[in-house]
Amino acid sequence: MNEKTLEEHDVNSWGEVDVCEWVKKIGQKHHNGLEKHAEKFMNHNINGKRLLMMNKADLRNLGIVSEGDILDLYVNEIFNWIF
């Protein structure tokens, strides 16, 4: 991803590694520990297109059990891209 912001980078073109790096970066940026979930996205082959289709239930299916982490990922990050 090379430190590009969302406005400069088409999420639909992200590969699985880009998504994994993005999760790590938002966890580090917000100091909320979300980077611990980065490998889950990689292990489940989540690319940019799939990321944009995800909902809270999908995040749970990846193995993210903390409601706080789900809300941080979905409401604060993914949901904002969709709407």
N, C-alpha and C. Protein backbone atom coordinates (compact mmCIF):
# COMPACT_ATOMS: atom_id res chain seq x y z
N MET A 1 0.81 -1.19 0.00
CA MET A 1 0.00 0.00 0.00
C MET A 1 0.85 1.25 0.00
N ASN A 2 2.06 1.19 0.44
CA ASN A 2 2.99 2.30 0.37
C ASN A 2 2.47 3.58 0.99
N GLU A 3 1.83 3.48 2.15
CA GLU A 3 1.39 4.64 2.91
C GLU A 3 0.39 5.53 2.17
N LYS A 4 -0.31 5.02 1.20
CA LYS A 4 -1.31 5.82 0.51
C LYS A 4 -2.57 5.90 1.37
N THR A 5 -3.26 7.02 1.27
CA THR A 5 -4.52 7.15 1.98
C THR A 5 -5.62 6.53 1.13
N LEU A 6 -6.77 6.32 1.72
CA LEU A 6 -7.88 5.73 0.98
C LEU A 6 -8.26 6.57 -0.22
N GLU A 7 -8.17 7.88 -0.09
CA GLU A 7 -8.54 8.76 -1.19
C GLU A 7 -7.60 8.57 -2.38
N GLU A 8 -6.37 8.12 -2.13
CA GLU A 8 -5.38 7.97 -3.19
C GLU A 8 -5.30 6.53 -3.71
N HIS A 9 -6.01 5.62 -3.09
CA HIS A 9 -5.85 4.21 -3.42
C HIS A 9 -7.21 3.55 -3.54
N ASP A 10 -7.44 2.87 -4.63
CA ASP A 10 -8.69 2.18 -4.86
C ASP A 10 -8.72 0.87 -4.08
N VAL A 11 -9.55 0.82 -3.05
CA VAL A 11 -9.63 -0.36 -2.20
C VAL A 11 -9.99 -1.60 -3.01
N ASN A 12 -10.79 -1.43 -4.05
CA ASN A 12 -11.17 -2.56 -4.89
C ASN A 12 -9.96 -3.24 -5.53
N SER A 13 -8.86 -2.53 -5.66
CA SER A 13 -7.67 -3.11 -6.29
C SER A 13 -6.72 -3.74 -5.28
N TRP A 14 -7.03 -3.65 -3.99
CA TRP A 14 -6.16 -4.22 -2.98
C TRP A 14 -6.11 -5.73 -3.07
N GLY A 15 -4.94 -6.29 -2.88
CA GLY A 15 -4.77 -7.72 -2.74
C GLY A 15 -4.87 -8.11 -1.28
N GLU A 16 -4.70 -9.37 -1.01
CA GLU A 16 -4.79 -9.88 0.37
C GLU A 16 -3.71 -9.27 1.26
N VAL A 17 -2.52 -9.09 0.72
CA VAL A 17 -1.42 -8.50 1.50
C VAL A 17 -1.75 -7.06 1.85
N ASP A 18 -2.35 -6.31 0.92
CA ASP A 18 -2.73 -4.92 1.19
C ASP A 18 -3.73 -4.83 2.34
N VAL A 19 -4.71 -5.72 2.33
CA VAL A 19 -5.72 -5.73 3.40
C VAL A 19 -5.05 -6.04 4.73
N CYS A 20 -4.19 -7.03 4.74
CA CYS A 20 -3.46 -7.40 5.95
C CYS A 20 -2.65 -6.22 6.48
N GLU A 21 -1.95 -5.54 5.59
CA GLU A 21 -1.15 -4.37 5.99
C GLU A 21 -2.04 -3.24 6.50
N TRP A 22 -3.19 -3.04 5.87
CA TRP A 22 -4.13 -2.00 6.29
C TRP A 22 -4.62 -2.26 7.71
N VAL A 23 -4.98 -3.51 8.01
CA VAL A 23 -5.45 -3.84 9.36
C VAL A 23 -4.34 -3.56 10.37
N LYS A 24 -3.11 -3.93 10.03
CA LYS A 24 -1.98 -3.65 10.93
C LYS A 24 -1.82 -2.15 11.15
N LYS A 25 -1.93 -1.38 10.08
CA LYS A 25 -1.73 0.07 10.18
C LYS A 25 -2.82 0.75 10.99
N ILE A 26 -4.09 0.35 10.81
CA ILE A 26 -5.13 1.00 11.60
C ILE A 26 -5.02 0.63 13.07
N GLY A 27 -4.58 -0.58 13.35
CA GLY A 27 -4.36 -0.97 14.74
C GLY A 27 -3.25 -0.16 15.38
N GLN A 28 -2.18 0.06 14.66
CA GLN A 28 -1.07 0.85 15.17
C GLN A 28 -1.43 2.33 15.26
N LYS A 29 -2.15 2.82 14.28
CA LYS A 29 -2.53 4.24 14.24
C LYS A 29 -3.44 4.60 15.41
N HIS A 30 -4.42 3.75 15.67
CA HIS A 30 -5.41 4.04 16.71
C HIS A 30 -5.06 3.42 18.06
N HIS A 31 -3.95 2.67 18.12
CA HIS A 31 -3.51 2.02 19.36
C HIS A 31 -4.63 1.20 19.99
N ASN A 32 -5.36 0.47 19.15
CA ASN A 32 -6.50 -0.30 19.64
C ASN A 32 -6.29 -1.81 19.54
N GLY A 33 -5.10 -2.23 19.13
CA GLY A 33 -4.79 -3.65 19.10
C GLY A 33 -5.36 -4.43 17.94
N LEU A 34 -5.96 -3.75 16.96
CA LEU A 34 -6.56 -4.46 15.84
C LEU A 34 -5.55 -5.20 14.99
N GLU A 35 -4.28 -4.82 15.06
CA GLU A 35 -3.27 -5.49 14.25
C GLU A 35 -3.19 -6.98 14.54
N LYS A 36 -3.65 -7.40 15.71
CA LYS A 36 -3.64 -8.84 16.04
C LYS A 36 -4.56 -9.65 15.13
N HIS A 37 -5.47 -8.97 14.43
CA HIS A 37 -6.41 -9.65 13.54
C HIS A 37 -5.95 -9.68 12.08
N ALA A 38 -4.85 -9.05 11.77
CA ALA A 38 -4.42 -8.91 10.37
C ALA A 38 -4.28 -10.26 9.66
N GLU A 39 -3.67 -11.21 10.31
CA GLU A 39 -3.45 -12.52 9.68
C GLU A 39 -4.76 -13.25 9.40
N LYS A 40 -5.80 -12.96 10.18
CA LYS A 40 -7.11 -13.60 9.95
C LYS A 40 -7.64 -13.23 8.57
N PHE A 41 -7.44 -11.98 8.19
CA PHE A 41 -7.89 -11.54 6.86
C PHE A 41 -7.09 -12.26 5.78
N MET A 42 -5.80 -12.40 5.99
CA MET A 42 -4.94 -13.08 5.03
C MET A 42 -5.30 -14.57 4.95
N ASN A 43 -5.52 -15.20 6.08
CA ASN A 43 -5.84 -16.63 6.12
C ASN A 43 -7.17 -16.95 5.45
N HIS A 44 -8.05 -15.96 5.37
CA HIS A 44 -9.36 -16.17 4.75
C HIS A 44 -9.45 -15.52 3.37
N ASN A 45 -8.30 -15.16 2.81
CA ASN A 45 -8.23 -14.65 1.44
C ASN A 45 -9.09 -13.41 1.21
N ILE A 46 -9.04 -12.48 2.15
CA ILE A 46 -9.82 -11.26 2.03
C ILE A 46 -9.02 -10.21 1.26
N ASN A 47 -9.48 -9.90 0.07
CA ASN A 47 -8.86 -8.83 -0.72
C ASN A 47 -9.74 -7.58 -0.57
N GLY A 48 -9.41 -6.53 -1.30
CA GLY A 48 -10.15 -5.28 -1.17
C GLY A 48 -11.62 -5.40 -1.53
N LYS A 49 -11.93 -6.08 -2.61
CA LYS A 49 -13.33 -6.25 -3.01
C LYS A 49 -14.12 -6.99 -1.95
N ARG A 50 -13.53 -8.04 -1.42
CA ARG A 50 -14.22 -8.82 -0.38
C ARG A 50 -14.35 -8.01 0.91
N LEU A 51 -13.33 -7.23 1.23
CA LEU A 51 -13.38 -6.39 2.42
C LEU A 51 -14.57 -5.45 2.37
N LEU A 52 -14.81 -4.84 1.23
CA LEU A 52 -15.92 -3.90 1.09
C LEU A 52 -17.28 -4.57 1.16
N MET A 53 -17.34 -5.87 0.95
CA MET A 53 -18.61 -6.60 1.03
C MET A 53 -18.89 -7.13 2.44
N MET A 54 -17.93 -7.00 3.34
CA MET A 54 -18.05 -7.62 4.66
C MET A 54 -19.00 -6.85 5.56
N ASN A 55 -19.60 -7.61 6.48
CA ASN A 55 -20.42 -7.02 7.53
C ASN A 55 -19.93 -7.56 8.88
N LYS A 56 -20.61 -7.17 9.94
CA LYS A 56 -20.15 -7.60 11.27
C LYS A 56 -20.16 -9.12 11.43
N ALA A 57 -21.14 -9.79 10.87
CA ALA A 57 -21.20 -11.26 10.97
C ALA A 57 -19.99 -11.88 10.26
N ASP A 58 -19.60 -11.31 9.14
CA ASP A 58 -18.42 -11.82 8.42
C ASP A 58 -17.17 -11.68 9.27
N LEU A 59 -17.05 -10.57 9.98
CA LEU A 59 -15.88 -10.38 10.85
C LEU A 59 -15.86 -11.44 11.95
N ARG A 60 -17.03 -11.76 12.49
CA ARG A 60 -17.12 -12.82 13.50
C ARG A 60 -16.70 -14.16 12.89
N ASN A 61 -17.11 -14.40 11.65
CA ASN A 61 -16.76 -15.66 10.99
C ASN A 61 -15.26 -15.78 10.74
N LEU A 62 -14.56 -14.65 10.69
CA LEU A 62 -13.10 -14.68 10.56
C LEU A 62 -12.44 -15.10 11.88
N GLY A 63 -13.21 -15.03 12.96
CA GLY A 63 -12.66 -15.37 14.27
C GLY A 63 -12.46 -14.18 15.18
N ILE A 64 -12.99 -13.04 14.78
CA ILE A 64 -12.90 -11.84 15.64
C ILE A 64 -14.09 -11.89 16.58
N VAL A 65 -13.83 -12.10 17.86
CA VAL A 65 -14.92 -12.31 18.81
C VAL A 65 -15.23 -11.08 19.66
N SER A 66 -14.29 -10.18 19.77
CA SER A 66 -14.50 -8.98 20.58
C SER A 66 -15.45 -8.02 19.87
N GLU A 67 -16.57 -7.72 20.52
CA GLU A 67 -17.52 -6.78 19.93
C GLU A 67 -16.88 -5.41 19.73
N GLY A 68 -16.01 -5.01 20.63
CA GLY A 68 -15.30 -3.75 20.47
C GLY A 68 -14.43 -3.72 19.23
N ASP A 69 -13.70 -4.80 19.00
CA ASP A 69 -12.86 -4.88 17.80
C ASP A 69 -13.71 -4.90 16.53
N ILE A 70 -14.83 -5.60 16.59
CA ILE A 70 -15.73 -5.65 15.44
C ILE A 70 -16.26 -4.25 15.13
N LEU A 71 -16.68 -3.55 16.16
CA LEU A 71 -17.18 -2.19 15.95
C LEU A 71 -16.09 -1.26 15.44
N ASP A 72 -14.89 -1.38 15.99
CA ASP A 72 -13.78 -0.55 15.51
C ASP A 72 -13.50 -0.80 14.04
N LEU A 73 -13.48 -2.07 13.64
CA LEU A 73 -13.20 -2.40 12.25
C LEU A 73 -14.36 -2.05 11.33
N TYR A 74 -15.56 -2.42 11.71
CA TYR A 74 -16.69 -2.26 10.81
C TYR A 74 -17.22 -0.83 10.80
N VAL A 75 -17.61 -0.35 11.95
CA VAL A 75 -18.25 0.97 12.00
C VAL A 75 -17.27 2.08 11.70
N ASN A 76 -16.10 2.03 12.29
CA ASN A 76 -15.15 3.12 12.14
C ASN A 76 -14.34 3.07 10.86
N GLU A 77 -14.24 1.91 10.21
CA GLU A 77 -13.39 1.79 9.04
C GLU A 77 -14.16 1.32 7.81
N ILE A 78 -14.61 0.09 7.78
CA ILE A 78 -15.23 -0.49 6.58
C ILE A 78 -16.51 0.25 6.20
N PHE A 79 -17.40 0.46 7.17
CA PHE A 79 -18.69 1.09 6.90
C PHE A 79 -18.51 2.47 6.26
N ASN A 80 -17.50 3.20 6.70
CA ASN A 80 -17.26 4.54 6.14
C ASN A 80 -16.92 4.52 4.67
N TRP A 81 -16.30 3.43 4.18
CA TRP A 81 -15.96 3.34 2.76
C TRP A 81 -17.19 3.08 1.92
N ILE A 82 -18.12 2.31 2.49
CA ILE A 82 -19.28 1.88 1.73
C ILE A 82 -20.26 3.05 1.54
N PHE A 83 -20.40 3.88 2.58
CA PHE A 83 -21.40 4.96 2.53
C PHE A 83 -20.77 6.30 2.54
